[in-house]
């Protein structure tokens, strides 16, 4: 719910003013823009409701498990989305070990 940024100034990015993206996407985009010599994004943190927050996730699997399942799955398949399975919820859904604790730090090294 607190992991979303509303774009105030798109800088040199492909985003538009008013787009709501995750903090991870915001940080990754800014790092890439700075490396390329472009102007970084500017945004402000927004609080989204539970429904909007769950649908505005990078994981289509987590979004589909909450509400509007057929719409989320149709949109994900039509646009060729790939779920990287980085969150707790999507890993629980498919029966994998959850990405928490010491295991995560060992895999990152």
Protein backbone atom coordinates (compact mmCIF):
# COMPACT_ATOMS: atom_id res chain seq x y z
CA UNK A 1 0.00 0.00 0.00
CA UNK A 2 2.96 2.35 0.65
CA UNK A 3 5.19 1.03 -2.13
CA UNK A 4 3.82 3.25 -4.90
CA UNK A 5 5.10 6.46 -6.44
CA UNK A 6 3.05 8.90 -8.51
CA UNK A 7 5.14 10.50 -11.26
CA UNK A 8 5.27 14.30 -10.91
CA UNK A 9 7.98 14.92 -13.53
CA UNK A 10 8.77 12.20 -16.08
CA UNK A 11 12.24 13.55 -16.86
CA UNK A 12 13.82 11.61 -19.74
CA UNK A 13 11.79 8.45 -19.10
CA UNK A 14 9.00 6.77 -21.03
CA UNK A 15 6.52 7.34 -18.18
CA UNK A 16 3.87 10.03 -18.16
CA UNK A 17 3.00 12.51 -15.42
CA UNK A 18 0.37 10.89 -13.21
CA UNK A 19 1.52 7.30 -13.76
CA UNK A 20 1.69 5.23 -10.58
CA UNK A 21 4.61 2.82 -10.41
CA UNK A 22 6.27 0.72 -7.72
CA UNK A 23 9.20 2.09 -5.75
CA UNK A 24 11.44 -0.62 -7.22
CA UNK A 25 10.54 0.43 -10.78
CA UNK A 26 11.06 4.10 -9.82
CA UNK A 27 14.53 3.41 -8.38
CA UNK A 28 15.61 1.13 -11.27
CA UNK A 29 14.46 3.67 -13.86
CA UNK A 30 16.26 6.55 -12.12
CA UNK A 31 19.51 4.57 -11.88
CA UNK A 32 19.30 3.75 -15.58
CA UNK A 33 18.50 7.35 -16.56
CA UNK A 34 21.38 8.77 -14.50
CA UNK A 35 23.82 6.23 -16.02
CA UNK A 36 22.70 7.29 -19.51
CA UNK A 37 23.02 10.98 -18.66
CA UNK A 38 19.27 11.63 -18.73
CA UNK A 39 17.03 13.52 -16.37
CA UNK A 40 15.68 11.33 -13.53
CA UNK A 41 12.05 10.86 -12.57
CA UNK A 42 10.49 12.92 -9.81
CA UNK A 43 7.58 11.57 -7.86
CA UNK A 44 5.74 11.46 -4.59
CA UNK A 45 4.71 8.52 -2.47
CA UNK A 46 1.00 7.75 -2.62
CA UNK A 47 -1.23 5.64 -0.42
CA UNK A 48 -3.45 3.29 -2.41
CA UNK A 49 -6.45 1.36 -1.16
CA UNK A 50 -6.19 -2.40 -0.77
CA UNK A 51 -7.83 -3.23 -4.13
CA UNK A 52 -5.85 -0.69 -6.16
CA UNK A 53 -2.65 -1.63 -4.36
CA UNK A 54 -3.03 -5.34 -5.04
CA UNK A 55 -3.79 -4.73 -8.72
CA UNK A 56 -0.85 -2.32 -9.12
CA UNK A 57 1.83 -4.91 -8.35
CA UNK A 58 4.60 -6.16 -10.63
CA UNK A 59 3.39 -9.71 -10.04
CA UNK A 60 0.43 -10.67 -12.21
CA UNK A 61 0.10 -13.89 -10.23
CA UNK A 62 -0.37 -12.01 -6.95
CA UNK A 63 -2.81 -9.58 -8.60
CA UNK A 64 -4.86 -12.41 -10.12
CA UNK A 65 -5.16 -14.14 -6.75
CA UNK A 66 -6.92 -11.14 -5.22
CA UNK A 67 -9.72 -9.88 -7.47
CA UNK A 68 -10.66 -9.58 -11.16
CA UNK A 69 -8.84 -12.85 -11.86
CA UNK A 70 -9.93 -13.31 -15.47
CA UNK A 71 -9.16 -9.68 -16.38
CA UNK A 72 -5.70 -9.79 -14.80
CA UNK A 73 -4.83 -13.12 -16.45
CA UNK A 74 -6.12 -11.95 -19.85
CA UNK A 75 -4.15 -8.70 -19.68
CA UNK A 76 -0.99 -10.51 -18.55
CA UNK A 77 -1.16 -13.11 -21.31
CA UNK A 78 -2.07 -10.61 -24.03
CA UNK A 79 0.88 -8.38 -23.14
CA UNK A 80 3.32 -11.27 -22.63
CA UNK A 81 4.09 -10.47 -19.00
CA UNK A 82 6.54 -12.64 -17.07
CA UNK A 83 6.21 -12.96 -13.30
CA UNK A 84 9.67 -12.97 -11.72
CA UNK A 85 8.29 -14.54 -8.50
CA UNK A 86 10.07 -12.12 -6.18
CA UNK A 87 7.37 -11.71 -3.55
CA UNK A 88 6.04 -13.83 -0.74
CA UNK A 89 2.51 -14.27 -2.09
CA UNK A 90 3.37 -15.59 -5.55
CA UNK A 91 5.92 -18.04 -4.12
CA UNK A 92 3.36 -19.40 -1.65
CA UNK A 93 0.82 -19.80 -4.48
CA UNK A 94 3.14 -21.99 -6.55
CA UNK A 95 4.59 -23.86 -3.56
CA UNK A 96 8.17 -22.56 -3.60
CA UNK A 97 10.25 -21.55 -0.62
CA UNK A 98 9.48 -17.98 0.35
CA UNK A 99 12.12 -15.30 -0.32
CA UNK A 100 12.88 -14.24 3.24
CA UNK A 101 15.67 -14.32 5.77
CA UNK A 102 19.15 -15.71 5.31
CA UNK A 103 18.34 -17.57 2.09
CA UNK A 104 17.74 -14.32 0.20
CA UNK A 105 21.05 -12.77 1.26
CA UNK A 106 22.96 -15.93 0.28
CA UNK A 107 21.38 -16.01 -3.20
CA UNK A 108 22.13 -12.33 -3.74
CA UNK A 109 25.89 -12.91 -3.24
